[in-house]
C-alpha cells in the first residue's frame, strides 16, 4: 500500500497526462487545419505517448492495490495566432509536467518510498527528452518557418515520425 499523499499525486498525474494528450490532439487538429500535416502527425504521436504515460501511472497504482477514481479531463483552452504558438505552448506544458513529476518524486523521497521513486526515474528522464524535443521544435521553426520551402521540408521531416510505445516495465 502506498502513502495516501503519494497516491493522490499519482492519481492526479493520470488526469494531467490525459489532459496532455488532449492538448496535443488540439495542436494536431490546428496544424491539420492549416495544412501542416507533418506537424499534425508529430503532435498526434505526442498525444499517443501522453495517453500511454497516463496508463503507466494507472497500472502502477493498480499493481500496488490502489483504487483509482478517474476525473473529468479539462478541455484545452489555447488559442493560436501563428503556427509557432502550439510549439511555445508545448514547451511551457512540458516544463509544467516536469514540475508535477518532481513534486511526486519529492513526496516519495520525503517518506523514503523507494519503489515509487524508482518508477518515477523513467518519467524524470522522459521529461528531459520531452523538454529537449519541445526546444528543438521551436529552434527548427525559428530557423525554417519563415521560408515556405524550408517549412515544407521541415513539415515533411515531421511527417516521418512514427509511434513507439514506452518501454517501461512495471512490477
Protein backbone atom coordinates (compact mmCIF):
# COMPACT_ATOMS: atom_id res chain seq x y z
CA UNK A 1 0.00 0.00 0.00
CA UNK A 2 1.26 3.44 -0.95
CA UNK A 3 1.23 6.58 1.15
CA UNK A 4 -2.10 8.45 0.72
CA UNK A 5 -0.43 11.72 -0.35
CA UNK A 6 1.76 9.97 -2.93
CA UNK A 7 -1.27 8.03 -4.16
CA UNK A 8 -3.28 11.24 -4.53
CA UNK A 9 -0.48 12.85 -6.54
CA UNK A 10 -0.13 9.77 -8.77
CA UNK A 11 -3.88 9.64 -9.41
CA UNK A 12 -3.87 13.34 -10.25
CA UNK A 13 -0.99 12.74 -12.64
CA UNK A 14 -3.16 10.31 -14.61
CA UNK A 15 -5.56 13.16 -15.27
CA UNK A 16 -2.72 15.53 -16.14
CA UNK A 17 -1.28 13.03 -18.64
CA UNK A 18 -4.68 12.57 -20.30
CA UNK A 19 -5.00 16.36 -20.44
CA UNK A 20 -1.60 16.46 -22.14
CA UNK A 21 -2.93 14.02 -24.73
CA UNK A 22 -5.98 16.26 -25.30
CA UNK A 23 -3.78 19.32 -25.59
CA UNK A 24 -1.55 17.66 -28.18
CA UNK A 25 -4.61 16.43 -30.10
CA UNK A 26 -5.73 20.06 -30.17
CA UNK A 27 -2.32 21.08 -31.54
CA UNK A 28 -2.59 18.31 -34.14
CA UNK A 29 -6.05 19.49 -35.19
CA UNK A 30 -4.79 23.04 -35.55
CA UNK A 31 -1.87 22.00 -37.72
CA UNK A 32 -4.11 19.77 -39.85
CA UNK A 33 -6.47 22.72 -40.37
CA UNK A 34 -3.67 24.98 -41.63
CA UNK A 35 -2.19 22.34 -43.92
CA UNK A 36 0.90 21.32 -41.93
CA UNK A 37 0.25 17.59 -41.90
CA UNK A 38 3.75 16.72 -40.67
CA UNK A 39 3.34 18.93 -37.61
CA UNK A 40 -0.12 17.37 -37.13
CA UNK A 41 1.46 13.90 -37.26
CA UNK A 42 4.16 14.86 -34.76
CA UNK A 43 1.60 16.05 -32.23
CA UNK A 44 -0.72 13.10 -32.87
CA UNK A 45 2.15 10.86 -31.82
CA UNK A 46 2.81 13.10 -28.81
CA UNK A 47 -0.83 12.58 -27.83
CA UNK A 48 -0.39 8.80 -28.05
CA UNK A 49 2.70 9.00 -25.84
CA UNK A 50 0.87 11.05 -23.21
CA UNK A 51 -2.04 8.62 -23.20
CA UNK A 52 0.43 5.79 -22.61
CA UNK A 53 2.04 7.74 -19.77
CA UNK A 54 -1.38 8.02 -18.11
CA UNK A 55 -1.86 4.28 -18.48
CA UNK A 56 1.55 3.60 -16.93
CA UNK A 57 0.57 5.62 -13.86
CA UNK A 58 -2.74 3.76 -13.71
CA UNK A 59 -1.03 0.39 -13.99
CA UNK A 60 1.49 1.30 -11.28
CA UNK A 61 -1.31 2.23 -8.90
CA UNK A 62 -3.26 -0.93 -9.74
CA UNK A 63 -0.14 -3.05 -9.24
CA UNK A 64 0.11 -1.51 -5.78
CA UNK A 65 -3.53 -2.34 -4.93
CA UNK A 66 -4.64 1.28 -5.02
CA UNK A 67 -8.14 2.27 -6.10
CA UNK A 68 -8.18 4.87 -8.81
CA UNK A 69 -11.06 7.29 -9.34
CA UNK A 70 -10.74 8.89 -12.75
CA UNK A 71 -11.72 12.55 -13.03
CA UNK A 72 -13.03 14.59 -15.96
CA UNK A 73 -10.39 15.83 -18.37
CA UNK A 74 -10.38 19.57 -18.98
CA UNK A 75 -10.85 20.93 -22.47
CA UNK A 76 -7.71 22.59 -23.90
CA UNK A 77 -8.09 26.36 -23.70
CA UNK A 78 -5.35 27.58 -26.02
CA UNK A 79 -5.86 29.92 -28.95
CA UNK A 80 -3.47 30.05 -31.87
CA UNK A 81 -2.47 33.12 -33.80
CA UNK A 82 0.50 31.61 -35.63
CA UNK A 83 1.98 28.21 -36.42
CA UNK A 84 4.60 28.80 -33.73
CA UNK A 85 2.06 29.20 -30.91
CA UNK A 86 1.49 25.45 -30.28
CA UNK A 87 5.25 24.95 -30.15
CA UNK A 88 5.60 27.57 -27.42
CA UNK A 89 2.61 26.17 -25.53
CA UNK A 90 4.09 22.70 -25.88
CA UNK A 91 7.36 23.73 -24.22
CA UNK A 92 5.51 25.52 -21.42
CA UNK A 93 3.35 22.46 -20.87
CA UNK A 94 6.30 20.06 -20.76
CA UNK A 95 8.02 22.28 -18.20
CA UNK A 96 4.80 22.19 -16.14
CA UNK A 97 4.60 18.39 -16.37
CA UNK A 98 8.24 18.17 -15.28
CA UNK A 99 7.37 20.20 -12.18
CA UNK A 100 4.49 17.80 -11.43
CA UNK A 101 6.76 14.76 -11.72
CA UNK A 102 9.30 16.45 -9.44
CA UNK A 103 6.57 17.15 -6.88
CA UNK A 104 5.55 13.50 -6.81
CA UNK A 105 9.18 12.43 -6.61
CA UNK A 106 9.76 14.82 -3.72
CA UNK A 107 6.76 13.46 -1.83
CA UNK A 108 8.00 9.89 -2.34
CA UNK A 109 11.53 10.90 -1.30
CA UNK A 110 10.26 12.52 1.91
CA UNK A 111 8.77 9.22 3.09
CA UNK A 112 11.51 7.00 1.62
CA UNK A 113 9.14 5.38 -0.90
CA UNK A 114 11.96 3.95 -2.98
CA UNK A 115 9.67 1.85 -5.19
CA UNK A 116 7.75 4.93 -6.35
CA UNK A 117 10.99 6.86 -6.77
CA UNK A 118 12.34 4.08 -8.98
CA UNK A 119 9.11 4.10 -11.01
CA UNK A 120 9.38 7.87 -11.42
CA UNK A 121 13.02 7.73 -12.53
CA UNK A 122 11.83 6.79 -16.03
CA UNK A 123 9.49 9.79 -16.11
CA UNK A 124 12.23 12.15 -14.92
CA UNK A 125 14.39 11.02 -17.85
CA UNK A 126 11.42 11.13 -20.23
CA UNK A 127 10.62 14.70 -19.24
CA UNK A 128 14.18 15.73 -20.03
CA UNK A 129 13.69 14.29 -23.51
CA UNK A 130 10.28 15.93 -23.88
CA UNK A 131 11.63 19.37 -22.96
CA UNK A 132 14.55 18.93 -25.37
CA UNK A 133 12.18 17.93 -28.17
CA UNK A 134 9.99 20.95 -27.48
CA UNK A 135 13.03 23.26 -27.51
CA UNK A 136 14.24 21.65 -30.74
CA UNK A 137 10.85 22.17 -32.40
CA UNK A 138 10.97 25.88 -31.60
CA UNK A 139 14.56 26.17 -32.79
CA UNK A 140 13.75 24.44 -36.09
CA UNK A 141 10.68 26.57 -36.60
CA UNK A 142 12.70 29.73 -35.92
CA UNK A 143 15.28 28.60 -38.47
CA UNK A 144 12.93 27.41 -41.20
CA UNK A 145 9.41 28.66 -40.51
CA UNK A 146 9.64 31.92 -42.43
CA UNK A 147 10.79 30.29 -45.66
CA UNK A 148 7.98 28.33 -47.36
CA UNK A 149 10.32 25.78 -48.98
CA UNK A 150 12.18 25.17 -45.73
CA UNK A 151 8.93 24.95 -43.78
CA UNK A 152 7.67 22.40 -46.31
CA UNK A 153 10.82 20.32 -45.81
CA UNK A 154 10.52 20.54 -42.01
CA UNK A 155 6.87 19.50 -42.28
CA UNK A 156 7.91 16.51 -44.40
CA UNK A 157 10.53 15.55 -41.82
CA UNK A 158 7.92 15.65 -39.04
CA UNK A 159 5.55 13.56 -41.16
CA UNK A 160 8.09 10.73 -40.96
CA UNK A 161 7.81 10.36 -37.20
CA UNK A 162 6.37 7.03 -36.13
CA UNK A 163 4.89 5.93 -32.83
CA UNK A 164 6.94 3.81 -30.44
CA UNK A 165 5.31 2.58 -27.25
CA UNK A 166 7.19 3.27 -23.99
CA UNK A 167 9.46 0.50 -22.81
CA UNK A 168 8.94 0.94 -19.07
CA UNK A 169 8.44 -2.37 -17.30
CA UNK A 170 6.18 -2.32 -14.25
CA UNK A 171 6.11 -4.81 -11.41
